[in-house]
Full PDB file with SEQRES, HELIX, SHEET, SSBOND, CRYST1, ORIGX, SCALE, CONECT and MASTER records, all heavy atoms in Angstrom:
SEQRES   1 A   36  TYR HIS ALA ILE GLY TRP PHE ARG GLN ALA PRO GLY LYS          
SEQRES   2 A   36  GLU ARG GLU ARG VAL SER CYS THR SER SER GLY GLY ARG          
SEQRES   3 A   36  ILE TYR TYR ALA ASP SER VAL LYS GLY ARG                      
SHEET    1 AA1 3 ILE A   4  ARG A   8  0                                        
SHEET    2 AA1 3 GLU A  16  THR A  21 -1                                        
SHEET    3 AA1 3 ILE A  27  TYR A  29 -1                                        
CRYST1    1.000    1.000    1.000  90.00  90.00  90.00 P 1           1          
ORIGX1      1.000000  0.000000  0.000000        0.00000                         
ORIGX2      0.000000  1.000000  0.000000        0.00000                         
ORIGX3      0.000000  0.000000  1.000000        0.00000                         
SCALE1      1.000000  0.000000  0.000000        0.00000                         
SCALE2      0.000000  1.000000  0.000000        0.00000                         
SCALE3      0.000000  0.000000  1.000000        0.00000                         
ATOM      1  N   TYR A   1      -7.593 -22.047  18.748  1.00  0.00           N  
ATOM      2  CA  TYR A   1      -8.864 -22.720  18.998  1.00  0.00           C  
ATOM      3  C   TYR A   1      -9.847 -22.496  17.848  1.00  0.00           C  
ATOM      4  O   TYR A   1     -11.064 -22.441  18.066  1.00  0.00           O  
ATOM      5  CB  TYR A   1      -9.454 -22.240  20.320  1.00  0.00           C  
ATOM      6  CG  TYR A   1      -8.541 -22.492  21.493  1.00  0.00           C  
ATOM      7  CD1 TYR A   1      -7.813 -21.459  22.065  1.00  0.00           C  
ATOM      8  CD2 TYR A   1      -8.393 -23.775  22.011  1.00  0.00           C  
ATOM      9  CE1 TYR A   1      -6.962 -21.692  23.132  1.00  0.00           C  
ATOM     10  CE2 TYR A   1      -7.545 -24.013  23.075  1.00  0.00           C  
ATOM     11  CZ  TYR A   1      -6.831 -22.972  23.636  1.00  0.00           C  
ATOM     12  OH  TYR A   1      -5.985 -23.203  24.693  1.00  0.00           O  
ATOM     13  N   HIS A   2      -9.318 -22.403  16.664  1.00  0.00           N  
ATOM     14  CA  HIS A   2     -10.140 -22.183  15.485  1.00  0.00           C  
ATOM     15  C   HIS A   2      -9.733 -23.110  14.352  1.00  0.00           C  
ATOM     16  O   HIS A   2      -8.584 -23.545  14.263  1.00  0.00           O  
ATOM     17  CB  HIS A   2      -9.999 -20.734  15.001  1.00  0.00           C  
ATOM     18  CG  HIS A   2     -10.605 -19.725  15.908  1.00  0.00           C  
ATOM     19  ND1 HIS A   2     -10.016 -19.347  17.092  1.00  0.00           N  
ATOM     20  CD2 HIS A   2     -11.760 -19.018  15.807  1.00  0.00           C  
ATOM     21  CE1 HIS A   2     -10.765 -18.445  17.687  1.00  0.00           C  
ATOM     22  NE2 HIS A   2     -11.828 -18.223  16.923  1.00  0.00           N  
ATOM     23  N   ALA A   3     -10.696 -23.412  13.518  1.00  0.00           N  
ATOM     24  CA  ALA A   3     -10.404 -23.961  12.206  1.00  0.00           C  
ATOM     25  C   ALA A   3     -10.206 -22.807  11.227  1.00  0.00           C  
ATOM     26  O   ALA A   3     -10.879 -21.777  11.333  1.00  0.00           O  
ATOM     27  CB  ALA A   3     -11.545 -24.858  11.735  1.00  0.00           C  
ATOM     28  N   ILE A   4      -9.294 -22.982  10.298  1.00  0.00           N  
ATOM     29  CA  ILE A   4      -9.003 -21.956   9.308  1.00  0.00           C  
ATOM     30  C   ILE A   4      -9.228 -22.534   7.915  1.00  0.00           C  
ATOM     31  O   ILE A   4      -8.741 -23.627   7.614  1.00  0.00           O  
ATOM     32  CB  ILE A   4      -7.564 -21.436   9.423  1.00  0.00           C  
ATOM     33  CG1 ILE A   4      -7.288 -20.931  10.841  1.00  0.00           C  
ATOM     34  CG2 ILE A   4      -7.310 -20.339   8.397  1.00  0.00           C  
ATOM     35  CD1 ILE A   4      -8.140 -19.751  11.247  1.00  0.00           C  
ATOM     36  N   GLY A   5      -9.938 -21.793   7.101  1.00  0.00           N  
ATOM     37  CA  GLY A   5     -10.185 -22.214   5.735  1.00  0.00           C  
ATOM     38  C   GLY A   5      -9.743 -21.167   4.739  1.00  0.00           C  
ATOM     39  O   GLY A   5      -9.790 -19.964   5.019  1.00  0.00           O  
ATOM     40  N   TRP A   6      -9.288 -21.633   3.587  1.00  0.00           N  
ATOM     41  CA  TRP A   6      -9.028 -20.780   2.435  1.00  0.00           C  
ATOM     42  C   TRP A   6     -10.095 -21.058   1.389  1.00  0.00           C  
ATOM     43  O   TRP A   6     -10.348 -22.224   1.039  1.00  0.00           O  
ATOM     44  CB  TRP A   6      -7.649 -21.033   1.851  1.00  0.00           C  
ATOM     45  CG  TRP A   6      -6.525 -20.408   2.617  1.00  0.00           C  
ATOM     46  CD1 TRP A   6      -5.710 -20.995   3.521  1.00  0.00           C  
ATOM     47  CD2 TRP A   6      -6.090 -19.037   2.513  1.00  0.00           C  
ATOM     48  NE1 TRP A   6      -4.785 -20.099   3.996  1.00  0.00           N  
ATOM     49  CE2 TRP A   6      -5.000 -18.889   3.395  1.00  0.00           C  
ATOM     50  CE3 TRP A   6      -6.511 -17.935   1.772  1.00  0.00           C  
ATOM     51  CZ2 TRP A   6      -4.325 -17.676   3.561  1.00  0.00           C  
ATOM     52  CZ3 TRP A   6      -5.839 -16.733   1.937  1.00  0.00           C  
ATOM     53  CH2 TRP A   6      -4.761 -16.615   2.821  1.00  0.00           C  
ATOM     54  N   PHE A   7     -10.699 -19.999   0.895  1.00  0.00           N  
ATOM     55  CA  PHE A   7     -11.742 -20.079  -0.110  1.00  0.00           C  
ATOM     56  C   PHE A   7     -11.376 -19.197  -1.286  1.00  0.00           C  
ATOM     57  O   PHE A   7     -10.563 -18.283  -1.157  1.00  0.00           O  
ATOM     58  CB  PHE A   7     -13.091 -19.627   0.463  1.00  0.00           C  
ATOM     59  CG  PHE A   7     -13.586 -20.465   1.599  1.00  0.00           C  
ATOM     60  CD1 PHE A   7     -13.107 -20.280   2.887  1.00  0.00           C  
ATOM     61  CD2 PHE A   7     -14.544 -21.446   1.385  1.00  0.00           C  
ATOM     62  CE1 PHE A   7     -13.566 -21.048   3.940  1.00  0.00           C  
ATOM     63  CE2 PHE A   7     -15.013 -22.222   2.435  1.00  0.00           C  
ATOM     64  CZ  PHE A   7     -14.524 -22.026   3.707  1.00  0.00           C  
ATOM     65  N   ARG A   8     -11.993 -19.470  -2.417  1.00  0.00           N  
ATOM     66  CA  ARG A   8     -11.810 -18.589  -3.562  1.00  0.00           C  
ATOM     67  C   ARG A   8     -13.128 -18.406  -4.297  1.00  0.00           C  
ATOM     68  O   ARG A   8     -13.987 -19.287  -4.298  1.00  0.00           O  
ATOM     69  CB  ARG A   8     -10.731 -19.113  -4.512  1.00  0.00           C  
ATOM     70  CG  ARG A   8     -11.043 -20.435  -5.186  1.00  0.00           C  
ATOM     71  CD  ARG A   8      -9.822 -20.906  -5.963  1.00  0.00           C  
ATOM     72  NE  ARG A   8     -10.068 -22.160  -6.668  1.00  0.00           N  
ATOM     73  CZ  ARG A   8      -9.132 -22.851  -7.303  1.00  0.00           C  
ATOM     74  NH1 ARG A   8      -7.870 -22.402  -7.322  1.00  0.00           N  
ATOM     75  NH2 ARG A   8      -9.445 -23.985  -7.923  1.00  0.00           N  
ATOM     76  N   GLN A   9     -13.264 -17.239  -4.902  1.00  0.00           N  
ATOM     77  CA  GLN A   9     -14.452 -16.887  -5.651  1.00  0.00           C  
ATOM     78  C   GLN A   9     -14.025 -16.286  -6.983  1.00  0.00           C  
ATOM     79  O   GLN A   9     -13.400 -15.233  -7.012  1.00  0.00           O  
ATOM     80  CB  GLN A   9     -15.308 -15.881  -4.871  1.00  0.00           C  
ATOM     81  CG  GLN A   9     -16.549 -15.423  -5.606  1.00  0.00           C  
ATOM     82  CD  GLN A   9     -17.631 -16.463  -5.594  1.00  0.00           C  
ATOM     83  OE1 GLN A   9     -18.142 -16.849  -4.533  1.00  0.00           O  
ATOM     84  NE2 GLN A   9     -17.984 -16.946  -6.776  1.00  0.00           N  
ATOM     85  N   ALA A  10     -14.350 -16.964  -8.053  1.00  0.00           N  
ATOM     86  CA  ALA A  10     -14.083 -16.471  -9.391  1.00  0.00           C  
ATOM     87  C   ALA A  10     -15.365 -15.927  -9.989  1.00  0.00           C  
ATOM     88  O   ALA A  10     -16.458 -16.392  -9.650  1.00  0.00           O  
ATOM     89  CB  ALA A  10     -13.518 -17.579 -10.271  1.00  0.00           C  
ATOM     90  N   PRO A  11     -15.273 -14.945 -10.882  1.00  0.00           N  
ATOM     91  CA  PRO A  11     -16.482 -14.391 -11.495  1.00  0.00           C  
ATOM     92  C   PRO A  11     -17.321 -15.467 -12.165  1.00  0.00           C  
ATOM     93  O   PRO A  11     -16.804 -16.290 -12.932  1.00  0.00           O  
ATOM     94  CB  PRO A  11     -15.932 -13.397 -12.519  1.00  0.00           C  
ATOM     95  CG  PRO A  11     -14.592 -13.016 -11.987  1.00  0.00           C  
ATOM     96  CD  PRO A  11     -14.060 -14.264 -11.339  1.00  0.00           C  
ATOM     97  N   GLY A  12     -18.605 -15.473 -11.855  1.00  0.00           N  
ATOM     98  CA  GLY A  12     -19.517 -16.424 -12.448  1.00  0.00           C  
ATOM     99  C   GLY A  12     -19.452 -17.822 -11.878  1.00  0.00           C  
ATOM    100  O   GLY A  12     -20.114 -18.721 -12.408  1.00  0.00           O  
ATOM    101  N   LYS A  13     -18.686 -18.021 -10.828  1.00  0.00           N  
ATOM    102  CA  LYS A  13     -18.548 -19.340 -10.236  1.00  0.00           C  
ATOM    103  C   LYS A  13     -18.938 -19.321  -8.768  1.00  0.00           C  
ATOM    104  O   LYS A  13     -18.921 -18.275  -8.118  1.00  0.00           O  
ATOM    105  CB  LYS A  13     -17.118 -19.855 -10.388  1.00  0.00           C  
ATOM    106  CG  LYS A  13     -16.679 -20.110 -11.822  1.00  0.00           C  
ATOM    107  CD  LYS A  13     -15.304 -20.742 -11.867  1.00  0.00           C  
ATOM    108  CE  LYS A  13     -14.886 -21.060 -13.283  1.00  0.00           C  
ATOM    109  NZ  LYS A  13     -13.542 -21.695 -13.332  1.00  0.00           N  
ATOM    110  N   GLU A  14     -19.269 -20.490  -8.269  1.00  0.00           N  
ATOM    111  CA  GLU A  14     -19.577 -20.634  -6.855  1.00  0.00           C  
ATOM    112  C   GLU A  14     -18.310 -20.502  -6.022  1.00  0.00           C  
ATOM    113  O   GLU A  14     -17.202 -20.808  -6.478  1.00  0.00           O  
ATOM    114  CB  GLU A  14     -20.229 -21.987  -6.590  1.00  0.00           C  
ATOM    115  CG  GLU A  14     -21.568 -22.199  -7.266  1.00  0.00           C  
ATOM    116  CD  GLU A  14     -22.669 -21.423  -6.597  1.00  0.00           C  
ATOM    117  OE1 GLU A  14     -22.546 -21.125  -5.391  1.00  0.00           O  
ATOM    118  OE2 GLU A  14     -23.660 -21.102  -7.267  1.00  0.00           O  
ATOM    119  N   ARG A  15     -18.492 -20.047  -4.791  1.00  0.00           N  
ATOM    120  CA  ARG A  15     -17.382 -20.012  -3.871  1.00  0.00           C  
ATOM    121  C   ARG A  15     -16.909 -21.433  -3.597  1.00  0.00           C  
ATOM    122  O   ARG A  15     -17.721 -22.346  -3.388  1.00  0.00           O  
ATOM    123  CB  ARG A  15     -17.787 -19.324  -2.569  1.00  0.00           C  
ATOM    124  CG  ARG A  15     -16.634 -19.111  -1.602  1.00  0.00           C  
ATOM    125  CD  ARG A  15     -17.100 -18.402  -0.342  1.00  0.00           C  
ATOM    126  NE  ARG A  15     -18.041 -19.201   0.411  1.00  0.00           N  
ATOM    127  CZ  ARG A  15     -18.778 -18.742   1.414  1.00  0.00           C  
ATOM    128  NH1 ARG A  15     -18.682 -17.454   1.771  1.00  0.00           N  
ATOM    129  NH2 ARG A  15     -19.605 -19.547   2.054  1.00  0.00           N  
ATOM    130  N   GLU A  16     -15.620 -21.615  -3.593  1.00  0.00           N  
ATOM    131  CA  GLU A  16     -15.020 -22.925  -3.462  1.00  0.00           C  
ATOM    132  C   GLU A  16     -14.072 -22.954  -2.273  1.00  0.00           C  
ATOM    133  O   GLU A  16     -13.264 -22.042  -2.096  1.00  0.00           O  
ATOM    134  CB  GLU A  16     -14.253 -23.293  -4.740  1.00  0.00           C  
ATOM    135  CG  GLU A  16     -13.509 -24.613  -4.678  1.00  0.00           C  
ATOM    136  CD  GLU A  16     -12.629 -24.855  -5.887  1.00  0.00           C  
ATOM    137  OE1 GLU A  16     -12.290 -23.877  -6.588  1.00  0.00           O  
ATOM    138  OE2 GLU A  16     -12.274 -26.021  -6.148  1.00  0.00           O  
ATOM    139  N   ARG A  17     -14.174 -23.988  -1.478  1.00  0.00           N  
ATOM    140  CA  ARG A  17     -13.206 -24.185  -0.413  1.00  0.00           C  
ATOM    141  C   ARG A  17     -11.954 -24.805  -1.004  1.00  0.00           C  
ATOM    142  O   ARG A  17     -11.996 -25.901  -1.567  1.00  0.00           O  
ATOM    143  CB  ARG A  17     -13.761 -25.069   0.700  1.00  0.00           C  
ATOM    144  CG  ARG A  17     -12.874 -25.083   1.952  1.00  0.00           C  
ATOM    145  CD  ARG A  17     -13.376 -26.058   3.002  1.00  0.00           C  
ATOM    146  NE  ARG A  17     -13.105 -27.435   2.629  1.00  0.00           N  
ATOM    147  CZ  ARG A  17     -13.488 -28.485   3.342  1.00  0.00           C  
ATOM    148  NH1 ARG A  17     -14.189 -28.316   4.459  1.00  0.00           N  
ATOM    149  NH2 ARG A  17     -13.189 -29.706   2.922  1.00  0.00           N  
ATOM    150  N   VAL A  18     -10.859 -24.116  -0.851  1.00  0.00           N  
ATOM    151  CA  VAL A  18      -9.592 -24.551  -1.410  1.00  0.00           C  
ATOM    152  C   VAL A  18      -8.865 -25.479  -0.453  1.00  0.00           C  
ATOM    153  O   VAL A  18      -8.347 -26.532  -0.843  1.00  0.00           O  
ATOM    154  CB  VAL A  18      -8.709 -23.341  -1.760  1.00  0.00           C  
ATOM    155  CG1 VAL A  18      -7.324 -23.787  -2.219  1.00  0.00           C  
ATOM    156  CG2 VAL A  18      -9.382 -22.493  -2.834  1.00  0.00           C  
ATOM    157  N   SER A  19      -8.819 -25.079   0.803  1.00  0.00           N  
ATOM    158  CA  SER A  19      -8.090 -25.829   1.807  1.00  0.00           C  
ATOM    159  C   SER A  19      -8.591 -25.427   3.179  1.00  0.00           C  
ATOM    160  O   SER A  19      -9.175 -24.353   3.354  1.00  0.00           O  
ATOM    161  CB  SER A  19      -6.573 -25.570   1.696  1.00  0.00           C  
ATOM    162  OG  SER A  19      -5.846 -26.297   2.669  1.00  0.00           O  
ATOM    163  N   CYS A  20      -8.373 -26.272   4.151  1.00  0.00           N  
ATOM    164  CA  CYS A  20      -8.709 -25.935   5.528  1.00  0.00           C  
ATOM    165  C   CYS A  20      -7.851 -26.741   6.468  1.00  0.00           C  
ATOM    166  O   CYS A  20      -7.310 -27.788   6.106  1.00  0.00           O  
ATOM    167  CB  CYS A  20     -10.197 -26.163   5.824  1.00  0.00           C  
ATOM    168  SG  CYS A  20     -10.749 -27.865   5.648  1.00  0.00           S  
ATOM    169  N   THR A  21      -7.731 -26.226   7.677  1.00  0.00           N  
ATOM    170  CA  THR A  21      -7.061 -26.944   8.748  1.00  0.00           C  
ATOM    171  C   THR A  21      -7.931 -26.852   9.992  1.00  0.00           C  
ATOM    172  O   THR A  21      -8.414 -25.777  10.351  1.00  0.00           O  
ATOM    173  CB  THR A  21      -5.648 -26.398   9.011  1.00  0.00           C  
ATOM    174  OG1 THR A  21      -5.044 -27.115  10.088  1.00  0.00           O  
ATOM    175  CG2 THR A  21      -5.669 -24.914   9.341  1.00  0.00           C  
ATOM    176  N   SER A  22      -8.149 -27.965  10.634  1.00  0.00           N  
ATOM    177  CA  SER A  22      -9.012 -28.025  11.801  1.00  0.00           C  
ATOM    178  C   SER A  22      -8.240 -27.675  13.063  1.00  0.00           C  
ATOM    179  O   SER A  22      -7.016 -27.531  13.059  1.00  0.00           O  
ATOM    180  CB  SER A  22      -9.627 -29.422  11.921  1.00  0.00           C  
ATOM    181  OG  SER A  22      -8.655 -30.359  12.346  1.00  0.00           O  
ATOM    182  N   SER A  23      -8.974 -27.543  14.170  1.00  0.00           N  
ATOM    183  CA  SER A  23      -8.335 -27.249  15.444  1.00  0.00           C  
ATOM    184  C   SER A  23      -7.401 -28.363  15.881  1.00  0.00           C  
ATOM    185  O   SER A  23      -6.474 -28.118  16.656  1.00  0.00           O  
ATOM    186  CB  SER A  23      -9.398 -27.013  16.521  1.00  0.00           C  
ATOM    187  OG  SER A  23     -10.171 -28.184  16.743  1.00  0.00           O  
ATOM    188  N   GLY A  24      -7.647 -29.566  15.410  1.00  0.00           N  
ATOM    189  CA  GLY A  24      -6.776 -30.686  15.698  1.00  0.00           C  
ATOM    190  C   GLY A  24      -5.621 -30.832  14.727  1.00  0.00           C  
ATOM    191  O   GLY A  24      -4.880 -31.819  14.824  1.00  0.00           O  
ATOM    192  N   GLY A  25      -5.471 -29.886  13.808  1.00  0.00           N  
ATOM    193  CA  GLY A  25      -4.343 -29.896  12.896  1.00  0.00           C  
ATOM    194  C   GLY A  25      -4.536 -30.737  11.654  1.00  0.00           C  
ATOM    195  O   GLY A  25      -3.589 -30.906  10.875  1.00  0.00           O  
ATOM    196  N   ARG A  26      -5.728 -31.262  11.450  1.00  0.00           N  
ATOM    197  CA  ARG A  26      -5.968 -32.042  10.244  1.00  0.00           C  
ATOM    198  C   ARG A  26      -6.154 -31.114   9.055  1.00  0.00           C  
ATOM    199  O   ARG A  26      -6.830 -30.089   9.164  1.00  0.00           O  
ATOM    200  CB  ARG A  26      -7.193 -32.934  10.423  1.00  0.00           C  
ATOM    201  CG  ARG A  26      -7.320 -34.057   9.405  1.00  0.00           C  
ATOM    202  CD  ARG A  26      -6.212 -35.095   9.569  1.00  0.00           C  
ATOM    203  NE  ARG A  26      -6.248 -35.731  10.881  1.00  0.00           N  
ATOM    204  CZ  ARG A  26      -6.931 -36.842  11.144  1.00  0.00           C  
ATOM    205  NH1 ARG A  26      -7.639 -37.446  10.191  1.00  0.00           N  
ATOM    206  NH2 ARG A  26      -6.896 -37.355  12.356  1.00  0.00           N  
ATOM    207  N   ILE A  27      -5.568 -31.460   7.929  1.00  0.00           N  
ATOM    208  CA  ILE A  27      -5.544 -30.613   6.744  1.00  0.00           C  
ATOM    209  C   ILE A  27      -6.280 -31.288   5.602  1.00  0.00           C  
ATOM    210  O   ILE A  27      -6.143 -32.499   5.387  1.00  0.00           O  
ATOM    211  CB  ILE A  27      -4.092 -30.295   6.343  1.00  0.00           C  
ATOM    212  CG1 ILE A  27      -3.418 -29.451   7.418  1.00  0.00           C  
ATOM    213  CG2 ILE A  27      -4.038 -29.596   4.994  1.00  0.00           C  
ATOM    214  CD1 ILE A  27      -1.940 -29.224   7.187  1.00  0.00           C  
ATOM    215  N   TYR A  28      -7.037 -30.481   4.848  1.00  0.00           N  
ATOM    216  CA  TYR A  28      -7.785 -30.967   3.702  1.00  0.00           C  
ATOM    217  C   TYR A  28      -7.571 -30.025   2.527  1.00  0.00           C  
ATOM    218  O   TYR A  28      -7.402 -28.817   2.702  1.00  0.00           O  
ATOM    219  CB  TYR A  28      -9.278 -31.074   4.022  1.00  0.00           C  
ATOM    220  CG  TYR A  28      -9.577 -32.023   5.151  1.00  0.00           C  
ATOM    221  CD1 TYR A  28      -9.605 -31.570   6.461  1.00  0.00           C  
ATOM    222  CD2 TYR A  28      -9.823 -33.367   4.905  1.00  0.00           C  
ATOM    223  CE1 TYR A  28      -9.863 -32.436   7.504  1.00  0.00           C  
ATOM    224  CE2 TYR A  28     -10.085 -34.240   5.943  1.00  0.00           C  
ATOM    225  CZ  TYR A  28     -10.106 -33.774   7.237  1.00  0.00           C  
ATOM    226  OH  TYR A  28     -10.368 -34.643   8.269  1.00  0.00           O  
ATOM    227  N   TYR A  29      -7.602 -30.592   1.324  1.00  0.00           N  
ATOM    228  CA  TYR A  29      -7.463 -29.828   0.104  1.00  0.00           C  
ATOM    229  C   TYR A  29      -8.546 -30.214  -0.885  1.00  0.00           C  
ATOM    230  O   TYR A  29      -8.957 -31.373  -0.955  1.00  0.00           O  
ATOM    231  CB  TYR A  29      -6.109 -30.071  -0.563  1.00  0.00           C  
ATOM    232  CG  TYR A  29      -4.918 -29.633   0.255  1.00  0.00           C  
ATOM    233  CD1 TYR A  29      -4.187 -30.552   0.993  1.00  0.00           C  
ATOM    234  CD2 TYR A  29      -4.523 -28.301   0.277  1.00  0.00           C  
ATOM    235  CE1 TYR A  29      -3.091 -30.157   1.743  1.00  0.00           C  
ATOM    236  CE2 TYR A  29      -3.431 -27.898   1.026  1.00  0.00           C  
ATOM    237  CZ  TYR A  29      -2.720 -28.831   1.757  1.00  0.00           C  
ATOM    238  OH  TYR A  29      -1.632 -28.428   2.499  1.00  0.00           O  
ATOM    239  N   ALA A  30      -8.983 -29.235  -1.643  1.00  0.00           N  
ATOM    240  CA  ALA A  30      -9.853 -29.530  -2.766  1.00  0.00           C  
ATOM    241  C   ALA A  30      -9.080 -30.322  -3.810  1.00  0.00           C  
ATOM    242  O   ALA A  30      -7.876 -30.138  -3.994  1.00  0.00           O  
ATOM    243  CB  ALA A  30     -10.400 -28.244  -3.378  1.00  0.00           C  
ATOM    244  N   ASP A  31      -9.781 -31.209  -4.507  1.00  0.00           N  
ATOM    245  CA  ASP A  31      -9.121 -32.015  -5.523  1.00  0.00           C  
ATOM    246  C   ASP A  31      -8.445 -31.158  -6.588  1.00  0.00           C  
ATOM    247  O   ASP A  31      -7.404 -31.543  -7.133  1.00  0.00           O  
ATOM    248  CB  ASP A  31     -10.121 -32.959  -6.178  1.00  0.00           C  
ATOM    249  CG  ASP A  31     -10.562 -34.078  -5.264  1.00  0.00           C  
ATOM    250  OD1 ASP A  31      -9.854 -34.358  -4.275  1.00  0.00           O  
ATOM    251  OD2 ASP A  31     -11.616 -34.685  -5.531  1.00  0.00           O  
ATOM    252  N   SER A  32      -9.007 -30.003  -6.864  1.00  0.00           N  
ATOM    253  CA  SER A  32      -8.480 -29.153  -7.914  1.00  0.00           C  
ATOM    254  C   SER A  32      -7.117 -28.553  -7.586  1.00  0.00           C  
ATOM    255  O   SER A  32      -6.406 -28.114  -8.493  1.00  0.00           O  
ATOM    256  CB  SER A  32      -9.473 -28.026  -8.227  1.00  0.00           C  
ATOM    257  OG  SER A  32      -9.740 -27.255  -7.068  1.00  0.00           O  
ATOM    258  N   VAL A  33      -6.745 -28.536  -6.315  1.00  0.00           N  
ATOM    259  CA  VAL A  33      -5.473 -27.935  -5.914  1.00  0.00           C  
ATOM    260  C   VAL A  33      -4.548 -28.921  -5.233  1.00  0.00           C  
ATOM    261  O   VAL A  33      -3.399 -28.570  -4.924  1.00  0.00           O  
ATOM    262  CB  VAL A  33      -5.682 -26.713  -4.999  1.00  0.00           C  
ATOM    263  CG1 VAL A  33      -6.644 -25.722  -5.638  1.00  0.00           C  
ATOM    264  CG2 VAL A  33      -6.186 -27.139  -3.624  1.00  0.00           C  
ATOM    265  N   LYS A  34      -5.005 -30.118  -5.001  1.00  0.00           N  
ATOM    266  CA  LYS A  34      -4.208 -31.110  -4.292  1.00  0.00           C  
ATOM    267  C   LYS A  34      -2.904 -31.378  -5.039  1.00  0.00           C  
ATOM    268  O   LYS A  34      -2.897 -31.590  -6.247  1.00  0.00           O  
ATOM    269  CB  LYS A  34      -5.013 -32.396  -4.118  1.00  0.00           C  
ATOM    270  CG  LYS A  34      -4.442 -33.364  -3.098  1.00  0.00           C  
ATOM    271  CD  LYS A  34      -5.423 -34.508  -2.829  1.00  0.00           C  
ATOM    272  CE  LYS A  34      -6.719 -34.002  -2.233  1.00  0.00           C  
ATOM    273  NZ  LYS A  34      -7.670 -35.101  -1.923  1.00  0.00           N  
ATOM    274  N   GLY A  35      -1.822 -31.361  -4.297  1.00  0.00           N  
ATOM    275  CA  GLY A  35      -0.511 -31.546  -4.876  1.00  0.00           C  
ATOM    276  C   GLY A  35       0.156 -30.274  -5.336  1.00  0.00           C  
ATOM    277  O   GLY A  35       1.359 -30.281  -5.628  1.00  0.00           O  
ATOM    278  N   ARG A  36      -0.597 -29.184  -5.408  1.00  0.00           N  
ATOM    279  CA  ARG A  36      -0.049 -27.900  -5.833  1.00  0.00           C  
ATOM    280  C   ARG A  36      -0.051 -26.859  -4.723  1.00  0.00           C  
ATOM    281  O   ARG A  36       0.844 -26.017  -4.668  1.00  0.00           O  
ATOM    282  CB  ARG A  36      -0.832 -27.354  -7.029  1.00  0.00           C  
ATOM    283  CG  ARG A  36      -0.808 -28.266  -8.252  1.00  0.00           C  
ATOM    284  CD  ARG A  36      -1.457 -27.596  -9.461  1.00  0.00           C  
ATOM    285  NE  ARG A  36      -2.867 -27.290  -9.231  1.00  0.00           N  
ATOM    286  CZ  ARG A  36      -3.384 -26.071  -9.250  1.00  0.00           C  
ATOM    287  NH1 ARG A  36      -2.604 -25.021  -9.490  1.00  0.00           N  
ATOM    288  NH2 ARG A  36      -4.680 -25.890  -9.046  1.00  0.00           N  
TER     289      ARG A  36                                                      
MASTER        0    0    0    0    3    0    0    6  288    1    0    3          
END                                                                             
């Protein structure tokens, strides 16, 4: 009953959402990692 997200934080950069999956199973990817 949760959405799950993966985030990353690099030195000197803003926190970025890499990927997430919603409670309904829908999946999203950041453009920078899509396909990888």
